[in-house]
Amino acid sequence: MKKLISAALLLGAAAAFISCGIATMPTGDEWYTKHYYVMQDFERHAYKKLTPDARLEFQKLFWEARDPKSKSVFDERMSYVLKTYKRDNARQPWNCDRARIYLLNGPPNDVDSTQNVNWAMSVQQAATTGVASTGGRNNEDISAVTQEVWTYRWDIYLVRYVFTFQPPNDWRYSSGTGRYLGELEDWSKLNTFGIRDRANYELRLEALKSIK
């Protein structure tokens, strides 16, 4: 049986995870923003203290320390993110709420969508009467979806993320349901992107501090 984490800690961890985005990451460092959410805390701390040359070496060690399959999974998910979430963040599609969860946890088992009924009805009315609606949603999908609920089946539990649409093209994490949200994210880091020999890896990262 997995060790249970208190609900308060889970909520705090989830809030901290999802709120860390464009405003709190050095967006000029593309590699860091792409890998931020699959990195473990000690890796983030180590990376931030390194010189630019040392960071290049870190980037090599990062994947060397992991199973090659992890890199394949990451590349596959990143490819999907680049194609799917361009509207959420045109400059860095991977640095938006839905993309970050997808990169870490992979595709959800189920996605439930809520449609803007009033908008949909106005579109239907316009098509019938020939009178254009004044409340259009520029650059948004024709279905005018206002909310997505991603459900992950993890162990015997259901873990859900709720994303809400904010005009013109932004999707924001709004809430998470399920006691095990934080544990799912930790599991994804340790299993999908786990480190094979942490002790040796940490020694190699420590040595990078000598690179000026």
Protein backbone atom coordinates (compact mmCIF):
# COMPACT_ATOMS: atom_id res chain seq x y z
CA MET A 1 0.00 0.00 0.00
CA LYS A 2 1.40 3.37 -0.98
CA LYS A 3 2.18 5.77 1.81
CA LEU A 4 -0.72 8.22 2.11
CA ILE A 5 -0.03 11.94 2.01
CA SER A 6 -2.34 14.27 3.90
CA ALA A 7 -4.99 16.09 1.89
CA ALA A 8 -3.60 19.44 2.96
CA LEU A 9 -0.14 18.61 1.69
CA LEU A 10 -1.53 17.30 -1.55
CA LEU A 11 -3.52 20.45 -2.18
CA GLY A 12 -0.52 22.59 -1.37
CA ALA A 13 1.76 20.60 -3.65
CA ALA A 14 -0.76 20.68 -6.46
CA ALA A 15 -1.24 24.43 -6.15
CA ALA A 16 2.51 25.01 -6.11
CA PHE A 17 2.99 22.72 -9.10
CA ILE A 18 0.37 24.17 -11.34
CA SER A 19 0.94 27.81 -10.42
CA CYS A 20 4.60 27.66 -11.42
CA GLY A 21 4.61 28.76 -15.02
CA ILE A 22 5.81 31.43 -17.35
CA ALA A 23 6.12 34.03 -14.59
CA THR A 24 8.34 31.89 -12.35
CA MET A 25 10.63 30.19 -14.88
CA PRO A 26 13.49 31.69 -16.89
CA THR A 27 11.70 31.58 -20.24
CA GLY A 28 14.91 32.43 -22.06
CA ASP A 29 16.31 29.00 -21.15
CA GLU A 30 14.30 26.79 -23.47
CA TRP A 31 15.75 23.50 -22.23
CA TYR A 32 14.90 24.33 -18.63
CA THR A 33 11.32 25.33 -19.39
CA LYS A 34 10.79 22.15 -21.40
CA HIS A 35 12.10 19.87 -18.67
CA TYR A 36 11.09 21.78 -15.54
CA TYR A 37 8.07 19.64 -14.72
CA VAL A 38 9.77 16.30 -15.13
CA MET A 39 12.80 17.37 -13.08
CA GLN A 40 13.12 16.49 -9.42
CA ASP A 41 13.56 19.27 -6.87
CA PHE A 42 17.26 18.62 -6.29
CA GLU A 43 17.90 18.84 -10.04
CA ARG A 44 16.19 22.22 -10.29
CA HIS A 45 18.23 23.58 -7.40
CA ALA A 46 21.46 22.25 -8.88
CA TYR A 47 20.73 23.56 -12.37
CA LYS A 48 20.00 27.11 -11.23
CA LYS A 49 23.40 27.38 -9.52
CA LEU A 50 25.42 26.38 -12.59
CA THR A 51 27.21 28.50 -15.18
CA PRO A 52 25.97 28.41 -18.80
CA ASP A 53 28.71 25.95 -19.80
CA ALA A 54 27.98 23.73 -16.82
CA ARG A 55 24.28 23.74 -17.70
CA LEU A 56 25.07 22.30 -21.11
CA GLU A 57 26.84 19.41 -19.39
CA PHE A 58 23.92 19.03 -16.99
CA GLN A 59 21.55 18.64 -19.92
CA LYS A 60 23.59 15.70 -21.18
CA LEU A 61 23.79 14.06 -17.76
CA PHE A 62 20.05 14.52 -17.20
CA TRP A 63 19.10 11.93 -19.81
CA GLU A 64 22.18 9.76 -19.33
CA ALA A 65 21.01 9.20 -15.76
CA ARG A 66 17.67 7.84 -16.99
CA ASP A 67 16.50 4.87 -18.99
CA PRO A 68 16.60 5.60 -22.74
CA LYS A 69 12.90 4.77 -22.85
CA SER A 70 12.25 7.84 -20.69
CA LYS A 71 13.71 10.10 -23.36
CA SER A 72 11.60 8.42 -26.03
CA VAL A 73 8.45 8.98 -23.98
CA PHE A 74 9.37 12.60 -23.36
CA ASP A 75 10.08 13.25 -27.05
CA GLU A 76 6.79 11.66 -28.09
CA ARG A 77 4.83 13.73 -25.60
CA MET A 78 6.68 16.90 -26.55
CA SER A 79 5.87 16.31 -30.21
CA TYR A 80 2.18 16.10 -29.33
CA VAL A 81 2.37 19.22 -27.17
CA LEU A 82 4.04 21.28 -29.90
CA LYS A 83 1.22 20.46 -32.31
CA THR A 84 -1.69 20.66 -29.89
CA TYR A 85 -1.06 23.61 -27.57
CA LYS A 86 0.27 26.26 -29.93
CA ARG A 87 -2.74 28.46 -29.22
CA ASP A 88 -2.23 28.30 -25.47
CA ASN A 89 1.32 29.64 -25.74
CA ALA A 90 2.53 30.33 -29.26
CA ARG A 91 6.15 31.00 -28.23
CA GLN A 92 6.49 28.06 -25.82
CA PRO A 93 3.63 25.57 -26.33
CA TRP A 94 5.08 23.30 -23.62
CA ASN A 95 4.81 26.08 -21.02
CA CYS A 96 1.08 26.15 -20.38
CA ASP A 97 -1.10 24.29 -17.90
CA ARG A 98 -2.47 21.52 -20.12
CA ALA A 99 0.89 20.90 -21.75
CA ARG A 100 2.71 20.64 -18.43
CA ILE A 101 0.32 18.01 -17.13
CA TYR A 102 0.50 16.11 -20.41
CA LEU A 103 4.29 16.09 -20.39
CA LEU A 104 4.40 14.77 -16.84
CA ASN A 105 1.47 12.34 -16.71
CA GLY A 106 0.93 11.54 -20.36
CA PRO A 107 -2.47 11.41 -22.09
CA PRO A 108 -5.45 11.20 -19.72
CA ASN A 109 -7.64 8.13 -19.76
CA ASP A 110 -10.75 10.25 -20.22
CA VAL A 111 -11.50 13.84 -21.23
CA ASP A 112 -14.91 15.38 -20.52
CA SER A 113 -15.74 18.73 -22.11
CA THR A 114 -18.30 21.39 -21.26
CA GLN A 115 -19.65 23.49 -24.11
CA ASN A 116 -20.67 27.14 -24.05
CA VAL A 117 -24.34 26.45 -24.77
CA ASN A 118 -25.30 30.10 -25.32
CA TRP A 119 -22.49 30.55 -27.85
CA ALA A 120 -23.38 27.35 -29.66
CA MET A 121 -27.02 28.40 -29.86
CA SER A 122 -26.03 31.81 -31.25
CA VAL A 123 -23.99 30.11 -33.96
CA GLN A 124 -26.94 27.89 -34.85
CA GLN A 125 -29.27 30.88 -34.90
CA ALA A 126 -26.89 32.83 -37.13
CA ALA A 127 -26.73 29.89 -39.54
CA THR A 128 -30.55 29.77 -39.64
CA THR A 129 -31.27 33.49 -39.91
CA GLY A 130 -28.18 34.62 -41.78
CA VAL A 131 -27.49 37.23 -39.10
CA ALA A 132 -23.95 37.11 -37.73
CA SER A 133 -23.47 36.83 -33.99
CA THR A 134 -21.77 39.74 -32.21
CA GLY A 135 -20.32 37.55 -29.50
CA GLY A 136 -17.83 35.56 -31.50
CA ARG A 137 -14.89 33.71 -29.98
CA ASN A 138 -11.94 34.56 -32.18
CA ASN A 139 -9.22 31.91 -32.59
CA GLU A 140 -11.15 29.40 -30.52
CA ASP A 141 -12.38 25.96 -31.50
CA ILE A 142 -15.78 25.85 -33.20
CA SER A 143 -17.19 23.74 -30.38
CA ALA A 144 -16.64 26.65 -27.96
CA VAL A 145 -15.60 24.35 -25.16
CA THR A 146 -15.32 26.21 -21.88
CA GLN A 147 -13.99 23.46 -19.62
CA GLU A 148 -12.04 20.22 -19.85
CA VAL A 149 -11.83 17.58 -17.15
CA TRP A 150 -8.91 15.18 -17.52
CA THR A 151 -9.22 11.91 -15.63
CA TYR A 152 -6.29 9.62 -14.93
CA ARG A 153 -6.86 6.10 -13.63
CA TRP A 154 -3.98 5.60 -11.23
CA ASP A 155 -3.82 2.35 -9.26
CA ILE A 156 -7.41 1.96 -7.98
CA TYR A 157 -8.02 5.72 -7.91
CA LEU A 158 -9.38 8.39 -10.23
CA VAL A 159 -7.37 11.62 -10.35
CA ARG A 160 -8.89 14.61 -12.13
CA TYR A 161 -7.62 17.95 -13.41
CA VAL A 162 -10.07 20.69 -14.38
CA PHE A 163 -8.99 23.25 -17.00
CA THR A 164 -11.10 26.34 -17.72
CA PHE A 165 -11.02 28.43 -20.88
CA GLN A 166 -10.11 32.10 -20.56
CA PRO A 167 -10.40 34.31 -23.67
CA PRO A 168 -8.87 34.73 -26.08
CA ASN A 169 -6.90 31.45 -26.19
CA ASP A 170 -5.85 30.54 -22.68
CA TRP A 171 -6.60 27.38 -20.73
CA ARG A 172 -5.92 27.52 -17.00
CA TYR A 173 -5.88 24.81 -14.38
CA SER A 174 -8.76 25.66 -12.03
CA SER A 175 -9.03 22.70 -9.65
CA GLY A 176 -8.07 19.11 -9.02
CA THR A 177 -10.20 16.36 -7.59
CA GLY A 178 -9.03 13.19 -5.99
CA ARG A 179 -6.85 12.77 -2.91
CA TYR A 180 -4.01 11.28 -4.87
CA LEU A 181 -3.24 14.06 -7.34
CA GLY A 182 0.13 14.82 -5.74
CA GLU A 183 1.01 11.14 -5.50
CA LEU A 184 0.24 10.62 -9.20
CA GLU A 185 2.64 13.42 -10.13
CA ASP A 186 5.36 12.02 -7.86
CA TRP A 187 4.79 8.56 -9.33
CA SER A 188 5.14 9.94 -12.88
CA LYS A 189 8.46 11.57 -12.01
CA LEU A 190 9.86 8.51 -10.28
CA ASN A 191 8.60 5.85 -12.68
CA THR A 192 8.29 7.42 -16.11
CA PHE A 193 11.32 9.69 -15.63
CA GLY A 194 13.11 7.96 -12.77
CA ILE A 195 16.85 8.13 -12.12
CA ARG A 196 18.73 4.81 -12.28
CA ASP A 197 21.62 5.56 -9.90
CA ARG A 198 20.89 8.71 -7.94
CA ALA A 199 23.99 8.60 -5.74
CA ASN A 200 26.36 8.51 -8.70
CA TYR A 201 24.27 11.07 -10.56
CA GLU A 202 24.44 13.53 -7.68
CA LEU A 203 28.21 13.18 -7.52
CA ARG A 204 28.45 14.01 -11.22
CA LEU A 205 26.18 17.01 -10.79
CA GLU A 206 28.29 18.23 -7.87
CA ALA A 207 31.36 18.10 -10.09
CA LEU A 208 29.68 20.48 -12.54
CA LYS A 209 30.06 23.31 -10.03
CA SER A 210 33.75 23.48 -10.94
CA ILE A 211 32.94 24.43 -14.54
CA LYS A 212 33.31 28.20 -14.90
